Amino acid sequence: MPHDSFPSPVALDFRPASYTDFGDPVSLALNGISGQLRRAMVRDMLTSVGAERMAQDALLGPIEPDILEERASEAFRSTMVSLAGPTWMGGEYLPPLLAGEVEIARIVLRSSTMDVSAVRARWRGGRYHYRMVDEYDNELELGQKTSRRPLTLGRLIELLESAGAVTQWWEQQWGFGDPPEECTAFATVESEVYPGLAVWYAARAAAWEAMRGAEDPGRTR
């Protein structure tokens, strides 16, 4: 399915003013955290209010500085994995950010260890330099390596699509015999810099599910 074969729910010409201009302090804090579930935990702790905040403080205590670090300590990882399972490893083994580098998108897999890959940008020599990394020491191929301005949302989507970073996982799960909804749930996309990225992929997932469901109605829920 071509990525332009359905109406986009968001403006594809959106372009961030810069990759260091985060919309809010929560996004800034989360961008520097590699662990996927640790990000979710910190987001909840930073955005909860009232009775919900009091309950979280009673359960988890105040936010410890090391929880906000790029990588969690080995002790924290071991504790969370033993208490809640291997999905707490997700994202924690991404390579360290380079000096001045920020994450502009991440792909999260619903695998047993919640594997994460990330697209990163770094300003150097008058241009942004891009790379895509995963947790297995692979640097994945992107169709564009540099730009003078931040990418538009549409161009970022084109790079992810041409790299097979998302829909190839849906196709893989379809080949395994999963229902369409489970295929698209296996690989999801998010960004603290491009708010419309997750919205676009949710619409793409719905269109993909409809297409596959029409091919094999017996496999839909």
N, C-alpha and C. Protein backbone atom coordinates (compact mmCIF):
# COMPACT_ATOMS: atom_id res chain seq x y z
N MET A 1 0.85 -1.20 0.00
CA MET A 1 0.00 0.00 0.00
C MET A 1 0.88 1.24 0.00
N PRO A 2 0.83 2.09 -1.00
CA PRO A 2 1.62 3.32 -1.00
C PRO A 2 1.24 4.17 0.20
N HIS A 3 2.23 4.89 0.76
CA HIS A 3 1.95 5.64 1.98
C HIS A 3 1.07 6.85 1.74
N ASP A 4 0.84 7.22 0.47
CA ASP A 4 -0.03 8.36 0.19
C ASP A 4 -1.39 7.91 -0.34
N SER A 5 -1.78 6.66 -0.08
CA SER A 5 -3.01 6.13 -0.65
C SER A 5 -4.22 6.36 0.25
N PHE A 6 -4.09 7.12 1.33
CA PHE A 6 -5.23 7.45 2.18
C PHE A 6 -5.08 8.91 2.62
N PRO A 7 -6.18 9.58 2.92
CA PRO A 7 -6.10 10.98 3.34
C PRO A 7 -5.32 11.13 4.64
N SER A 8 -4.35 12.00 4.66
CA SER A 8 -3.56 12.19 5.87
C SER A 8 -4.36 12.96 6.92
N PRO A 9 -4.39 12.49 8.15
CA PRO A 9 -5.12 13.20 9.20
C PRO A 9 -4.35 14.39 9.77
N VAL A 10 -3.10 14.56 9.35
CA VAL A 10 -2.25 15.64 9.86
C VAL A 10 -1.56 16.33 8.69
N ALA A 11 -1.03 17.52 8.95
CA ALA A 11 -0.33 18.29 7.92
C ALA A 11 1.06 17.70 7.69
N LEU A 12 1.29 17.17 6.51
CA LEU A 12 2.57 16.54 6.21
C LEU A 12 3.67 17.55 5.98
N ASP A 13 3.31 18.82 5.80
CA ASP A 13 4.34 19.84 5.61
C ASP A 13 4.81 20.45 6.93
N PHE A 14 4.31 19.91 8.06
CA PHE A 14 4.80 20.39 9.36
C PHE A 14 6.30 20.19 9.46
N ARG A 15 6.99 21.24 9.92
CA ARG A 15 8.43 21.18 10.08
C ARG A 15 8.78 21.84 11.42
N PRO A 16 9.44 21.15 12.33
CA PRO A 16 9.83 21.79 13.59
C PRO A 16 10.75 22.98 13.32
N ALA A 17 10.67 23.98 14.17
CA ALA A 17 11.56 25.12 14.03
C ALA A 17 13.01 24.68 14.20
N SER A 18 13.23 23.76 15.10
CA SER A 18 14.55 23.14 15.29
C SER A 18 14.33 21.83 16.03
N TYR A 19 15.36 21.05 16.16
CA TYR A 19 15.23 19.79 16.87
C TYR A 19 15.52 19.94 18.37
N THR A 20 15.77 21.15 18.80
CA THR A 20 15.96 21.39 20.23
C THR A 20 14.84 22.23 20.81
N ASP A 21 13.84 22.53 19.99
CA ASP A 21 12.70 23.34 20.42
C ASP A 21 11.54 22.43 20.79
N PHE A 22 11.58 21.87 21.99
CA PHE A 22 10.54 20.95 22.44
C PHE A 22 9.32 21.73 22.89
N GLY A 23 8.16 21.16 22.65
CA GLY A 23 6.92 21.86 22.94
C GLY A 23 6.66 22.08 24.41
N ASP A 24 7.19 21.22 25.28
CA ASP A 24 6.96 21.35 26.71
C ASP A 24 8.09 20.68 27.46
N PRO A 25 8.28 21.00 28.74
CA PRO A 25 9.39 20.42 29.51
C PRO A 25 9.31 18.90 29.67
N VAL A 26 8.09 18.36 29.65
CA VAL A 26 7.95 16.90 29.76
C VAL A 26 8.57 16.23 28.54
N SER A 27 8.29 16.76 27.34
CA SER A 27 8.88 16.20 26.13
C SER A 27 10.39 16.29 26.17
N LEU A 28 10.92 17.39 26.68
CA LEU A 28 12.37 17.55 26.79
C LEU A 28 12.96 16.49 27.72
N ALA A 29 12.31 16.27 28.86
CA ALA A 29 12.81 15.27 29.80
C ALA A 29 12.75 13.87 29.21
N LEU A 30 11.67 13.55 28.52
CA LEU A 30 11.50 12.20 27.99
C LEU A 30 12.48 11.92 26.86
N ASN A 31 12.82 12.93 26.06
CA ASN A 31 13.69 12.71 24.92
C ASN A 31 15.05 12.19 25.32
N GLY A 32 15.49 12.51 26.51
CA GLY A 32 16.80 12.04 26.94
C GLY A 32 16.77 10.72 27.67
N ILE A 33 15.63 10.04 27.72
CA ILE A 33 15.50 8.75 28.40
C ILE A 33 15.38 7.65 27.36
N SER A 34 16.26 6.67 27.40
CA SER A 34 16.26 5.63 26.37
C SER A 34 15.23 4.54 26.63
N GLY A 35 15.01 4.17 27.88
CA GLY A 35 14.12 3.05 28.21
C GLY A 35 12.67 3.36 27.93
N GLN A 36 11.98 2.48 27.21
CA GLN A 36 10.61 2.74 26.80
C GLN A 36 9.65 2.79 27.99
N LEU A 37 9.66 1.79 28.85
CA LEU A 37 8.73 1.78 29.99
C LEU A 37 9.15 2.78 31.05
N ARG A 38 10.43 3.07 31.13
CA ARG A 38 10.89 4.11 32.05
C ARG A 38 10.37 5.48 31.59
N ARG A 39 10.36 5.70 30.27
CA ARG A 39 9.76 6.91 29.74
C ARG A 39 8.30 7.03 30.15
N ALA A 40 7.56 5.95 29.97
CA ALA A 40 6.14 5.96 30.31
C ALA A 40 5.94 6.23 31.79
N MET A 41 6.79 5.64 32.62
CA MET A 41 6.69 5.84 34.06
C MET A 41 6.96 7.30 34.41
N VAL A 42 8.00 7.87 33.82
CA VAL A 42 8.34 9.27 34.11
C VAL A 42 7.25 10.20 33.60
N ARG A 43 6.70 9.91 32.41
CA ARG A 43 5.61 10.74 31.90
C ARG A 43 4.44 10.77 32.89
N ASP A 44 4.08 9.59 33.39
CA ASP A 44 2.97 9.52 34.35
C ASP A 44 3.30 10.32 35.61
N MET A 45 4.54 10.21 36.06
CA MET A 45 4.92 10.88 37.30
C MET A 45 4.96 12.40 37.12
N LEU A 46 5.32 12.85 35.93
CA LEU A 46 5.43 14.29 35.69
C LEU A 46 4.10 14.95 35.35
N THR A 47 3.16 14.17 34.85
CA THR A 47 1.90 14.77 34.39
C THR A 47 0.72 14.49 35.29
N SER A 48 0.85 13.58 36.23
CA SER A 48 -0.28 13.28 37.12
C SER A 48 -0.51 14.43 38.09
N VAL A 49 -1.77 14.60 38.49
CA VAL A 49 -2.12 15.69 39.40
C VAL A 49 -3.11 15.17 40.45
N GLY A 50 -3.28 15.94 41.49
CA GLY A 50 -4.31 15.66 42.49
C GLY A 50 -4.14 14.31 43.17
N ALA A 51 -5.25 13.61 43.29
CA ALA A 51 -5.26 12.33 44.00
C ALA A 51 -4.39 11.29 43.28
N GLU A 52 -4.37 11.36 41.95
CA GLU A 52 -3.54 10.42 41.19
C GLU A 52 -2.07 10.64 41.53
N ARG A 53 -1.64 11.89 41.64
CA ARG A 53 -0.26 12.19 41.98
C ARG A 53 0.07 11.72 43.38
N MET A 54 -0.83 11.94 44.31
CA MET A 54 -0.60 11.50 45.68
C MET A 54 -0.46 9.99 45.75
N ALA A 55 -1.30 9.27 44.99
CA ALA A 55 -1.22 7.81 44.99
C ALA A 55 0.10 7.33 44.40
N GLN A 56 0.54 8.00 43.34
CA GLN A 56 1.81 7.61 42.73
C GLN A 56 2.97 7.89 43.67
N ASP A 57 2.95 9.05 44.33
CA ASP A 57 4.02 9.36 45.27
C ASP A 57 4.08 8.35 46.40
N ALA A 58 2.89 7.93 46.86
CA ALA A 58 2.86 6.94 47.94
C ALA A 58 3.41 5.60 47.48
N LEU A 59 3.12 5.26 46.22
CA LEU A 59 3.56 3.96 45.69
C LEU A 59 5.02 3.98 45.26
N LEU A 60 5.42 5.03 44.54
CA LEU A 60 6.74 5.07 43.92
C LEU A 60 7.73 5.99 44.62
N GLY A 61 7.20 6.92 45.44
CA GLY A 61 8.07 7.90 46.05
C GLY A 61 8.42 9.00 45.06
N PRO A 62 9.25 9.95 45.45
CA PRO A 62 9.63 11.03 44.54
C PRO A 62 10.48 10.50 43.38
N ILE A 63 10.57 11.30 42.33
CA ILE A 63 11.37 10.91 41.17
C ILE A 63 12.85 11.00 41.54
N GLU A 64 13.53 9.88 41.48
CA GLU A 64 14.96 9.86 41.76
C GLU A 64 15.72 10.36 40.53
N PRO A 65 16.79 11.14 40.74
CA PRO A 65 17.52 11.70 39.59
C PRO A 65 17.99 10.65 38.60
N ASP A 66 18.41 9.47 39.07
CA ASP A 66 18.94 8.48 38.13
C ASP A 66 17.87 7.89 37.22
N ILE A 67 16.59 8.01 37.60
CA ILE A 67 15.51 7.54 36.73
C ILE A 67 15.42 8.39 35.48
N LEU A 68 15.88 9.64 35.57
CA LEU A 68 15.82 10.57 34.45
C LEU A 68 17.06 10.48 33.56
N GLU A 69 18.01 9.64 33.92
CA GLU A 69 19.23 9.52 33.12
C GLU A 69 18.92 8.86 31.78
N GLU A 70 19.83 9.06 30.82
CA GLU A 70 19.64 8.45 29.51
C GLU A 70 19.49 6.94 29.63
N ARG A 71 20.38 6.31 30.38
CA ARG A 71 20.31 4.87 30.62
C ARG A 71 20.09 4.60 32.09
N ALA A 72 19.23 3.64 32.36
CA ALA A 72 19.02 3.25 33.75
C ALA A 72 20.23 2.47 34.26
N SER A 73 20.41 2.50 35.56
CA SER A 73 21.49 1.73 36.15
C SER A 73 21.21 0.24 36.01
N GLU A 74 22.25 -0.54 36.07
CA GLU A 74 22.09 -1.99 35.99
C GLU A 74 21.21 -2.50 37.13
N ALA A 75 21.36 -1.89 38.29
CA ALA A 75 20.55 -2.31 39.45
C ALA A 75 19.07 -2.04 39.18
N PHE A 76 18.75 -0.87 38.62
CA PHE A 76 17.35 -0.56 38.33
C PHE A 76 16.79 -1.52 37.29
N ARG A 77 17.55 -1.76 36.21
CA ARG A 77 17.09 -2.68 35.17
C ARG A 77 16.83 -4.06 35.74
N SER A 78 17.76 -4.55 36.52
CA SER A 78 17.63 -5.89 37.08
C SER A 78 16.40 -5.98 37.99
N THR A 79 16.20 -4.95 38.79
CA THR A 79 15.06 -4.94 39.71
C THR A 79 13.75 -4.96 38.94
N MET A 80 13.63 -4.08 37.94
CA MET A 80 12.37 -3.99 37.20
C MET A 80 12.12 -5.24 36.36
N VAL A 81 13.16 -5.82 35.77
CA VAL A 81 12.98 -7.04 34.98
C VAL A 81 12.52 -8.17 35.89
N SER A 82 13.12 -8.27 37.08
CA SER A 82 12.73 -9.35 37.99
C SER A 82 11.31 -9.16 38.51
N LEU A 83 10.88 -7.90 38.68
CA LEU A 83 9.55 -7.64 39.20
C LEU A 83 8.47 -7.68 38.13
N ALA A 84 8.80 -7.16 36.93
CA ALA A 84 7.75 -6.94 35.92
C ALA A 84 8.02 -7.59 34.58
N GLY A 85 9.17 -8.24 34.40
CA GLY A 85 9.41 -8.95 33.16
C GLY A 85 10.38 -8.26 32.22
N PRO A 86 10.79 -8.96 31.16
CA PRO A 86 11.85 -8.48 30.26
C PRO A 86 11.47 -7.28 29.41
N THR A 87 10.19 -6.92 29.34
CA THR A 87 9.84 -5.73 28.55
C THR A 87 10.50 -4.47 29.14
N TRP A 88 10.91 -4.53 30.40
CA TRP A 88 11.59 -3.38 31.00
C TRP A 88 12.99 -3.17 30.43
N MET A 89 13.47 -4.09 29.62
CA MET A 89 14.75 -3.88 28.95
C MET A 89 14.59 -3.00 27.71
N GLY A 90 13.35 -2.84 27.22
CA GLY A 90 13.10 -2.16 25.96
C GLY A 90 13.67 -0.75 25.91
N GLY A 91 14.54 -0.49 24.95
CA GLY A 91 15.14 0.82 24.77
C GLY A 91 16.38 1.07 25.59
N GLU A 92 16.58 0.31 26.66
CA GLU A 92 17.70 0.57 27.56
C GLU A 92 19.05 0.24 26.93
N TYR A 93 19.06 -0.50 25.84
CA TYR A 93 20.33 -0.89 25.22
C TYR A 93 20.58 -0.17 23.90
N LEU A 94 19.84 0.92 23.65
CA LEU A 94 20.18 1.77 22.51
C LEU A 94 21.57 2.37 22.73
N PRO A 95 22.32 2.62 21.66
CA PRO A 95 23.64 3.24 21.85
C PRO A 95 23.49 4.64 22.43
N PRO A 96 24.49 5.11 23.17
CA PRO A 96 24.39 6.45 23.77
C PRO A 96 24.23 7.53 22.71
N LEU A 97 23.50 8.58 23.07
CA LEU A 97 23.40 9.74 22.20
C LEU A 97 24.77 10.39 22.04
N LEU A 98 25.07 10.85 20.85
CA LEU A 98 26.29 11.62 20.63
C LEU A 98 26.10 13.02 21.20
N ALA A 99 27.18 13.75 21.38
CA ALA A 99 27.08 15.11 21.90
C ALA A 99 26.20 15.95 20.97
N GLY A 100 25.18 16.58 21.53
CA GLY A 100 24.29 17.43 20.75
C GLY A 100 23.25 16.68 19.95
N GLU A 101 23.17 15.37 20.09
CA GLU A 101 22.23 14.57 19.32
C GLU A 101 20.90 14.44 20.05
N VAL A 102 19.80 14.46 19.29
CA VAL A 102 18.47 14.27 19.88
C VAL A 102 17.73 13.19 19.09
N GLU A 103 16.83 12.53 19.76
CA GLU A 103 15.97 11.54 19.10
C GLU A 103 14.78 12.26 18.49
N ILE A 104 14.48 11.96 17.22
CA ILE A 104 13.33 12.61 16.58
C ILE A 104 12.19 11.63 16.32
N ALA A 105 12.43 10.34 16.43
CA ALA A 105 11.37 9.34 16.28
C ALA A 105 11.86 8.02 16.82
N ARG A 106 10.92 7.19 17.26
CA ARG A 106 11.30 5.83 17.68
C ARG A 106 10.22 4.84 17.26
N ILE A 107 10.67 3.62 16.95
CA ILE A 107 9.79 2.52 16.60
C ILE A 107 9.87 1.51 17.74
N VAL A 108 8.74 1.13 18.28
CA VAL A 108 8.68 0.23 19.42
C VAL A 108 8.02 -1.07 19.01
N LEU A 109 8.69 -2.17 19.24
CA LEU A 109 8.16 -3.49 18.90
C LEU A 109 7.57 -4.17 20.14
N ARG A 110 6.44 -4.82 19.95
CA ARG A 110 5.82 -5.56 21.06
C ARG A 110 6.41 -6.96 21.10
N SER A 111 7.71 -7.01 21.21
CA SER A 111 8.42 -8.28 21.34
C SER A 111 8.60 -8.59 22.82
N SER A 112 9.20 -9.72 23.13
CA SER A 112 9.32 -10.10 24.54
C SER A 112 10.19 -9.12 25.32
N THR A 113 11.16 -8.49 24.63
CA THR A 113 12.02 -7.51 25.29
C THR A 113 11.72 -6.07 24.83
N MET A 114 10.60 -5.87 24.15
CA MET A 114 10.17 -4.55 23.68
C MET A 114 11.31 -3.81 22.98
N ASP A 115 11.79 -4.39 21.89
CA ASP A 115 12.91 -3.81 21.17
C ASP A 115 12.55 -2.45 20.59
N VAL A 116 13.51 -1.53 20.61
CA VAL A 116 13.31 -0.16 20.14
C VAL A 116 14.39 0.20 19.14
N SER A 117 14.00 0.90 18.08
CA SER A 117 14.96 1.54 17.18
C SER A 117 14.63 3.02 17.16
N ALA A 118 15.62 3.86 16.83
CA ALA A 118 15.43 5.30 16.95
C ALA A 118 16.10 6.03 15.82
N VAL A 119 15.44 7.10 15.36
CA VAL A 119 16.04 8.03 14.40
C VAL A 119 16.55 9.23 15.19
N ARG A 120 17.79 9.60 14.93
CA ARG A 120 18.42 10.67 15.69
C ARG A 120 18.96 11.75 14.75
N ALA A 121 19.03 12.97 15.27
CA ALA A 121 19.52 14.10 14.48
C ALA A 121 20.57 14.85 15.30
N ARG A 122 21.60 15.33 14.57
CA ARG A 122 22.68 16.07 15.22
C ARG A 122 23.12 17.21 14.32
N TRP A 123 23.18 18.43 14.87
CA TRP A 123 23.62 19.59 14.11
C TRP A 123 25.15 19.63 14.11
N ARG A 124 25.72 19.61 12.91
CA ARG A 124 27.17 19.61 12.79
C ARG A 124 27.55 20.14 11.42
N GLY A 125 28.45 21.11 11.38
CA GLY A 125 28.93 21.64 10.11
C GLY A 125 27.87 22.32 9.29
N GLY A 126 26.91 22.96 9.95
CA GLY A 126 25.88 23.69 9.24
C GLY A 126 24.76 22.83 8.68
N ARG A 127 24.69 21.56 9.08
CA ARG A 127 23.63 20.67 8.61
C ARG A 127 23.21 19.75 9.74
N TYR A 128 21.98 19.24 9.63
CA TYR A 128 21.54 18.16 10.50
C TYR A 128 22.00 16.83 9.90
N HIS A 129 22.57 15.99 10.74
CA HIS A 129 23.01 14.66 10.31
C HIS A 129 22.12 13.62 10.99
N TYR A 130 21.64 12.67 10.20
CA TYR A 130 20.67 11.68 10.68
C TYR A 130 21.27 10.29 10.73
N ARG A 131 20.84 9.53 11.70
CA ARG A 131 21.16 8.11 11.75
C ARG A 131 20.03 7.37 12.43
N MET A 132 19.92 6.09 12.11
CA MET A 132 18.90 5.24 12.73
C MET A 132 19.61 4.06 13.37
N VAL A 133 19.35 3.84 14.65
CA VAL A 133 20.04 2.81 15.41
C VAL A 133 19.05 1.89 16.09
N ASP A 134 19.53 0.70 16.46
CA ASP A 134 18.71 -0.21 17.25
C ASP A 134 19.50 -0.69 18.45
N GLU A 135 18.98 -1.67 19.15
CA GLU A 135 19.62 -2.14 20.38
C GLU A 135 20.60 -3.29 20.15
N TYR A 136 20.89 -3.57 18.89
CA TYR A 136 21.77 -4.68 18.56
C TYR A 136 23.00 -4.21 17.79
N ASP A 137 23.42 -2.97 18.06
CA ASP A 137 24.61 -2.38 17.45
C ASP A 137 24.51 -2.26 15.94
N ASN A 138 23.29 -2.18 15.42
CA ASN A 138 23.11 -1.95 13.99
C ASN A 138 22.83 -0.47 13.74
N GLU A 139 23.43 0.08 12.68
CA GLU A 139 23.07 1.41 12.23
C GLU A 139 22.32 1.21 10.92
N LEU A 140 21.03 1.47 10.94
CA LEU A 140 20.15 1.13 9.84
C LEU A 140 20.19 2.20 8.75
N GLU A 141 19.98 1.78 7.51
CA GLU A 141 20.14 2.67 6.37
C GLU A 141 18.95 3.62 6.23
N LEU A 142 19.25 4.91 6.10
CA LEU A 142 18.25 5.93 5.82
C LEU A 142 18.49 6.49 4.44
N GLY A 143 17.43 6.84 3.74
CA GLY A 143 17.55 7.34 2.39
C GLY A 143 18.07 8.77 2.31
N GLN A 144 18.15 9.45 3.44
CA GLN A 144 18.71 10.81 3.50
C GLN A 144 19.55 10.91 4.75
N LYS A 145 20.76 11.39 4.60
CA LYS A 145 21.68 11.43 5.74
C LYS A 145 21.81 12.82 6.36
N THR A 146 21.55 13.89 5.57
CA THR A 146 21.71 15.24 6.10
C THR A 146 20.63 16.16 5.53
N SER A 147 20.45 17.31 6.17
CA SER A 147 19.58 18.37 5.64
C SER A 147 19.97 19.68 6.31
N ARG A 148 19.67 20.78 5.63
CA ARG A 148 19.96 22.10 6.20
C ARG A 148 18.90 22.51 7.21
N ARG A 149 17.67 22.07 7.00
CA ARG A 149 16.57 22.39 7.92
C ARG A 149 16.01 21.08 8.47
N PRO A 150 15.29 21.14 9.58
CA PRO A 150 14.61 19.93 10.04
C PRO A 150 13.71 19.37 8.96
N LEU A 151 13.54 18.08 8.94
CA LEU A 151 12.69 17.42 7.95
C LEU A 151 11.22 17.79 8.17
N THR A 152 10.47 17.81 7.07
CA THR A 152 9.02 17.88 7.23
C THR A 152 8.53 16.53 7.75
N LEU A 153 7.34 16.52 8.30
CA LEU A 153 6.74 15.27 8.75
C LEU A 153 6.63 14.29 7.59
N GLY A 154 6.21 14.78 6.43
CA GLY A 154 6.07 13.91 5.27
C GLY A 154 7.39 13.28 4.87
N ARG A 155 8.47 14.06 4.92
CA ARG A 155 9.78 13.50 4.54
C ARG A 155 10.25 12.47 5.57
N LEU A 156 10.01 12.73 6.84
CA LEU A 156 10.38 11.74 7.87
C LEU A 156 9.64 10.43 7.63
N ILE A 157 8.36 10.52 7.31
CA ILE A 157 7.57 9.32 7.04
C ILE A 157 8.15 8.58 5.83
N GLU A 158 8.53 9.33 4.79
CA GLU A 158 9.12 8.70 3.62
C GLU A 158 10.39 7.94 3.99
N LEU A 159 11.20 8.51 4.85
CA LEU A 159 12.43 7.83 5.26
C LEU A 159 12.13 6.55 6.04
N LEU A 160 11.17 6.62 6.94
CA LEU A 160 10.80 5.42 7.71
C LEU A 160 10.22 4.34 6.80
N GLU A 161 9.39 4.77 5.85
CA GLU A 161 8.78 3.81 4.95
C GLU A 161 9.82 3.17 4.03
N SER A 162 10.73 3.98 3.49
CA SER A 162 11.73 3.43 2.57
C SER A 162 12.72 2.52 3.30
N ALA A 163 12.90 2.76 4.60
CA ALA A 163 13.79 1.91 5.39
C ALA A 163 13.09 0.64 5.86
N GLY A 164 11.79 0.52 5.61
CA GLY A 164 11.05 -0.66 6.08
C GLY A 164 11.01 -0.76 7.58
N ALA A 165 11.01 0.41 8.24
CA ALA A 165 11.15 0.42 9.68
C ALA A 165 9.88 0.10 10.44
N VAL A 166 8.73 0.16 9.76
CA VAL A 166 7.46 -0.04 10.46
C VAL A 166 6.62 -1.12 9.80
N THR A 167 6.19 -0.87 8.57
CA THR A 167 5.23 -1.78 7.95
C THR A 167 5.82 -3.16 7.65
N GLN A 168 7.14 -3.25 7.55
CA GLN A 168 7.71 -4.59 7.34
C GLN A 168 7.40 -5.50 8.52
N TRP A 169 7.29 -4.91 9.71
CA TRP A 169 6.95 -5.71 10.90
C TRP A 169 5.49 -6.14 10.85
N TRP A 170 4.61 -5.26 10.34
CA TRP A 170 3.21 -5.64 10.18
C TRP A 170 3.11 -6.82 9.20
N GLU A 171 3.86 -6.71 8.11
CA GLU A 171 3.83 -7.77 7.11
C GLU A 171 4.38 -9.08 7.68
N GLN A 172 5.42 -8.96 8.49
CA GLN A 172 5.98 -10.16 9.13
C GLN A 172 4.94 -10.87 9.98
N GLN A 173 4.25 -10.11 10.83
CA GLN A 173 3.25 -10.71 11.70
C GLN A 173 2.07 -11.26 10.91
N TRP A 174 1.74 -10.60 9.80
CA TRP A 174 0.69 -11.13 8.92
C TRP A 174 1.12 -12.48 8.36
N GLY A 175 2.37 -12.58 7.99
CA GLY A 175 2.89 -13.85 7.50
C GLY A 175 2.87 -14.94 8.55
N PHE A 176 2.95 -14.53 9.82
CA PHE A 176 2.89 -15.50 10.92
C PHE A 176 1.46 -15.95 11.21
N GLY A 177 0.47 -15.29 10.58
CA GLY A 177 -0.93 -15.66 10.78
C GLY A 177 -1.69 -14.84 11.78
N ASP A 178 -1.13 -13.70 12.23
CA ASP A 178 -1.82 -12.88 13.22
C ASP A 178 -2.99 -12.12 12.59
N PRO A 179 -4.00 -11.77 13.37
CA PRO A 179 -5.08 -10.88 12.89
C PRO A 179 -4.50 -9.50 12.56
N PRO A 180 -5.15 -8.75 11.68
CA PRO A 180 -4.61 -7.45 11.28
C PRO A 180 -4.32 -6.51 12.45
N GLU A 181 -5.24 -6.47 13.44
CA GLU A 181 -5.05 -5.55 14.56
C GLU A 181 -3.82 -5.91 15.39
N GLU A 182 -3.52 -7.19 15.49
CA GLU A 182 -2.34 -7.59 16.24
C GLU A 182 -1.06 -7.30 15.45
N CYS A 183 -1.16 -7.37 14.13
CA CYS A 183 0.01 -7.05 13.29
C CYS A 183 0.43 -5.60 13.49
N THR A 184 -0.53 -4.68 13.41
CA THR A 184 -0.19 -3.27 13.54
C THR A 184 0.18 -2.90 14.97
N ALA A 185 -0.34 -3.63 15.94
CA ALA A 185 0.02 -3.37 17.34
C ALA A 185 1.45 -3.81 17.62
N PHE A 186 2.00 -4.68 16.78
CA PHE A 186 3.35 -5.19 17.03
C PHE A 186 4.40 -4.10 16.86
N ALA A 187 4.20 -3.17 15.92
CA ALA A 187 5.16 -2.09 15.69
C ALA A 187 4.43 -0.76 15.70
N THR A 188 4.79 0.10 16.64
CA THR A 188 4.18 1.42 16.74
C THR A 188 5.27 2.49 16.69
N VAL A 189 4.85 3.72 16.40
CA VAL A 189 5.78 4.82 16.17
C VAL A 189 5.41 5.98 17.08
N GLU A 190 6.42 6.67 17.61
CA GLU A 190 6.15 7.83 18.44
C GLU A 190 7.27 8.86 18.29
N SER A 191 6.99 10.08 18.70
CA SER A 191 7.98 11.15 18.59
C SER A 191 7.62 12.26 19.56
N GLU A 192 8.62 12.79 20.24
CA GLU A 192 8.43 13.97 21.08
C GLU A 192 8.60 15.25 20.27
N VAL A 193 9.09 15.14 19.03
CA VAL A 193 9.36 16.30 18.18
C VAL A 193 8.29 16.49 17.13
N TYR A 194 7.74 15.39 16.63
CA TYR A 194 6.69 15.41 15.60
C TYR A 194 5.40 14.85 16.20
N PRO A 195 4.57 15.68 16.80
CA PRO A 195 3.35 15.18 17.43
C PRO A 195 2.43 14.44 16.46
N GLY A 196 2.47 14.79 15.18
CA GLY A 196 1.58 14.16 14.22
C GLY A 196 2.03 12.81 13.72
N LEU A 197 3.26 12.38 14.09
CA LEU A 197 3.79 11.13 13.55
C LEU A 197 2.97 9.93 14.01
N ALA A 198 2.69 9.85 15.31
CA ALA A 198 1.89 8.73 15.82
C ALA A 198 0.48 8.78 15.27
N VAL A 199 -0.06 9.97 15.08
CA VAL A 199 -1.42 10.11 14.53
C VAL A 199 -1.45 9.58 13.09
N TRP A 200 -0.44 9.95 12.30
CA TRP A 200 -0.39 9.49 10.91
C TRP A 200 -0.28 7.96 10.86
N TYR A 201 0.57 7.38 11.69
CA TYR A 201 0.73 5.93 11.65
C TYR A 201 -0.49 5.20 12.19
N ALA A 202 -1.23 5.81 13.09
CA ALA A 202 -2.49 5.19 13.53
C ALA A 202 -3.46 5.11 12.36
N ALA A 203 -3.52 6.18 11.54
CA ALA A 203 -4.39 6.17 10.37
C ALA A 203 -3.88 5.18 9.33
N ARG A 204 -2.57 5.11 9.17
CA ARG A 204 -1.99 4.16 8.22
C ARG A 204 -2.30 2.73 8.66
N ALA A 205 -2.21 2.50 9.97
CA ALA A 205 -2.51 1.17 10.50
C ALA A 205 -3.96 0.79 10.24
N ALA A 206 -4.88 1.74 10.44
CA ALA A 206 -6.30 1.45 10.20
C ALA A 206 -6.54 1.09 8.73
N ALA A 207 -5.88 1.82 7.82
CA ALA A 207 -6.04 1.53 6.39
C ALA A 207 -5.43 0.17 6.05
N TRP A 208 -4.31 -0.14 6.64
CA TRP A 208 -3.66 -1.44 6.40
C TRP A 208 -4.51 -2.58 6.93
N GLU A 209 -5.08 -2.38 8.12
CA GLU A 209 -5.94 -3.41 8.71
C GLU A 209 -7.16 -3.68 7.82
N ALA A 210 -7.74 -2.59 7.29
CA ALA A 210 -8.91 -2.75 6.42
C ALA A 210 -8.54 -3.51 5.15
N MET A 211 -7.38 -3.19 4.60
CA MET A 211 -6.94 -3.87 3.38
C MET A 211 -6.71 -5.36 3.64
N ARG A 212 -6.01 -5.68 4.70
CA ARG A 212 -5.73 -7.09 5.01
C ARG A 212 -7.00 -7.82 5.45
N GLY A 213 -7.87 -7.13 6.17
CA GLY A 213 -9.12 -7.76 6.58
C GLY A 213 -10.00 -8.12 5.40
N ALA A 214 -9.97 -7.29 4.36
CA ALA A 214 -10.73 -7.59 3.14
C ALA A 214 -10.14 -8.79 2.42
N GLU A 215 -8.83 -8.96 2.48
CA GLU A 215 -8.17 -10.10 1.84
C GLU A 215 -8.51 -11.40 2.53
N ASP A 216 -8.59 -11.37 3.86
CA ASP A 216 -8.80 -12.59 4.64
C ASP A 216 -9.76 -12.30 5.78
N PRO A 217 -11.07 -12.19 5.50
CA PRO A 217 -12.04 -11.82 6.55
C PRO A 217 -12.05 -12.77 7.73
N GLY A 218 -11.66 -14.01 7.53
CA GLY A 218 -11.68 -14.98 8.60
C GLY A 218 -10.63 -14.70 9.67
N ARG A 219 -9.67 -13.83 9.35
CA ARG A 219 -8.61 -13.56 10.30
C ARG A 219 -8.86 -12.31 11.15
N THR A 220 -9.96 -11.63 10.90
CA THR A 220 -10.27 -10.43 11.70
C THR A 220 -10.92 -10.86 13.00
N ARG A 221 -10.86 -10.00 13.96
CA ARG A 221 -11.42 -10.32 15.28
C ARG A 221 -12.94 -10.31 15.23
